Amino acid sequence: VVIGVVPDIDPALKAEADAFYDIGVAKLGKIFKTLKKEEVQELTMLGKVTKEILFKGLTFPDLKTLGVLKRLKNRKDDTIMLAIVDEIEREGFKVLDQTAYLKPFMPKVGVLSKAQPTDEQWADICFGF
């Protein structure tokens, strides 16, 4: 079961899903009802819903979403996402790690090229992390 919460979902994803719903991110109540109707117990979220996505072209949020937004300590992206995860878990769903199904596709830790990075390159790499 896939619920697309942002516009422009890749049509290939829609084709792979047994059930696909297009429900705006500000409609948490409708999302939860749909998940329960589909008998979903565990879920993961792929991608990140930033505050720009959340508030851009936002139609009026439902009461569930308003409740989550009202409880926010700040409007940082991570704060918003963690509040949404908390609300999902309050509704009785288990939220799985985003990488649960992606680990086989993730690169191993370490140098991936034939050449070892120079000290200067390592400094840049560490700064990037």
Protein backbone atom coordinates (compact mmCIF):
# COMPACT_ATOMS: atom_id res chain seq x y z
CA VAL A 1 0.00 0.00 0.00
CA VAL A 2 1.47 3.32 -1.03
CA ILE A 3 0.23 6.73 0.01
CA GLY A 4 1.70 9.58 -1.98
CA VAL A 5 1.67 12.71 0.17
CA VAL A 6 3.39 15.06 -2.28
CA PRO A 7 2.60 15.86 -5.90
CA ASP A 8 4.44 14.32 -8.84
CA ILE A 9 4.84 10.75 -7.59
CA ASP A 10 6.71 8.65 -10.14
CA PRO A 11 4.12 6.70 -12.16
CA ALA A 12 6.36 3.60 -11.89
CA LEU A 13 5.75 3.56 -8.13
CA LYS A 14 2.00 3.68 -8.66
CA ALA A 15 2.27 0.70 -11.01
CA GLU A 16 4.22 -1.35 -8.43
CA ALA A 17 1.76 -0.83 -5.57
CA ASP A 18 -1.15 -3.16 -4.85
CA ALA A 19 -3.05 -0.06 -3.73
CA PHE A 20 -2.10 3.57 -4.31
CA TYR A 21 -3.65 6.64 -2.69
CA ASP A 22 -2.86 10.27 -3.36
CA ILE A 23 -3.53 12.06 -0.07
CA GLY A 24 -1.98 15.42 0.81
CA VAL A 25 0.48 15.49 3.69
CA ALA A 26 -1.79 17.86 5.64
CA LYS A 27 -4.56 15.24 5.80
CA LEU A 28 -3.19 12.97 8.53
CA GLY A 29 -6.67 11.92 9.62
CA LYS A 30 -7.49 10.65 6.13
CA ILE A 31 -4.09 8.96 5.87
CA PHE A 32 -4.69 7.08 9.15
CA LYS A 33 -8.20 6.02 8.12
CA THR A 34 -6.84 4.72 4.82
CA LEU A 35 -4.02 2.79 6.51
CA LYS A 36 -6.52 1.20 8.91
CA LYS A 37 -8.90 0.36 6.06
CA GLU A 38 -6.03 -1.37 4.26
CA GLU A 39 -5.10 -3.18 7.50
CA VAL A 40 -1.59 -1.74 7.52
CA GLN A 41 0.30 -2.40 10.75
CA GLU A 42 3.87 -1.39 9.84
CA LEU A 43 5.01 1.38 7.58
CA THR A 44 8.03 3.30 6.49
CA MET A 45 8.33 6.73 4.98
CA LEU A 46 10.56 7.33 2.00
CA GLY A 47 11.81 10.77 1.21
CA LYS A 48 11.55 13.82 3.36
CA VAL A 49 8.66 16.21 3.74
CA THR A 50 10.28 19.57 4.36
CA LYS A 51 8.42 22.56 5.75
CA GLU A 52 8.48 24.07 2.25
CA ILE A 53 6.63 21.02 0.91
CA LEU A 54 4.29 20.94 3.90
CA PHE A 55 3.25 24.58 3.62
CA LYS A 56 3.55 25.17 -0.16
CA GLY A 57 0.10 25.30 -1.68
CA LEU A 58 -1.27 23.90 1.56
CA THR A 59 -4.97 23.34 1.58
CA PHE A 60 -6.51 23.68 4.99
CA PRO A 61 -5.09 20.93 7.21
CA ASP A 62 -7.46 18.51 8.89
CA LEU A 63 -7.95 18.50 12.67
CA LYS A 64 -5.40 15.72 13.22
CA THR A 65 -2.73 17.68 11.35
CA LEU A 66 -3.62 20.91 13.17
CA GLY A 67 -3.15 19.09 16.47
CA VAL A 68 0.32 17.93 15.45
CA LEU A 69 1.32 21.39 14.20
CA LYS A 70 0.02 23.02 17.37
CA ARG A 71 2.30 20.84 19.53
CA LEU A 72 5.50 21.66 17.61
CA LYS A 73 8.32 23.19 19.67
CA ASN A 74 9.69 24.81 16.50
CA ARG A 75 9.20 24.55 12.76
CA LYS A 76 12.44 22.77 11.85
CA ASP A 77 12.12 19.98 9.29
CA ASP A 78 13.30 17.28 11.70
CA THR A 79 10.94 18.49 14.43
CA ILE A 80 8.01 18.28 12.02
CA MET A 81 8.95 14.80 10.80
CA LEU A 82 9.47 13.47 14.33
CA ALA A 83 6.10 14.88 15.39
CA ILE A 84 4.45 13.11 12.44
CA VAL A 85 6.21 9.85 13.35
CA ASP A 86 5.05 10.23 16.96
CA GLU A 87 1.46 10.75 15.79
CA ILE A 88 1.65 7.70 13.51
CA GLU A 89 2.80 5.59 16.45
CA ARG A 90 0.05 7.04 18.68
CA GLU A 91 -2.40 5.77 16.10
CA GLY A 92 -1.07 2.25 16.65
CA PHE A 93 1.21 1.80 13.64
CA LYS A 94 4.83 0.70 13.87
CA VAL A 95 7.20 2.98 11.94
CA LEU A 96 10.12 1.09 10.44
CA ASP A 97 13.56 2.51 9.70
CA GLN A 98 13.60 4.19 6.28
CA THR A 99 16.49 1.99 5.20
CA ALA A 100 14.75 -1.29 6.09
CA TYR A 101 14.25 -2.23 2.45
CA LEU A 102 17.09 -0.19 0.98
CA LYS A 103 20.10 -1.67 2.79
CA PRO A 104 21.02 -4.09 -0.04
CA PHE A 105 21.30 -1.07 -2.36
CA MET A 106 23.39 1.09 -0.04
CA PRO A 107 27.18 1.27 -0.50
CA LYS A 108 29.43 -0.40 2.04
CA VAL A 109 31.39 1.75 4.49
CA GLY A 110 34.88 2.58 3.27
CA VAL A 111 36.73 3.73 0.19
CA LEU A 112 34.80 2.82 -2.94
CA SER A 113 37.46 3.78 -5.49
CA LYS A 114 40.85 2.28 -6.33
CA ALA A 115 42.74 5.31 -5.01
CA GLN A 116 42.87 6.20 -1.32
CA PRO A 117 41.85 9.82 -0.61
CA THR A 118 44.62 12.23 0.32
CA ASP A 119 44.66 13.83 3.78
CA GLU A 120 43.11 16.96 2.27
CA GLN A 121 40.37 14.93 0.58
CA TRP A 122 39.67 13.07 3.85
CA ALA A 123 39.26 16.44 5.59
CA ASP A 124 36.68 17.41 2.94
CA ILE A 125 34.91 14.06 3.33
CA CYS A 126 34.75 14.42 7.10
CA PHE A 127 33.50 17.98 6.76
CA GLY A 128 30.76 16.73 4.43
CA PHE A 129 29.54 14.27 7.05
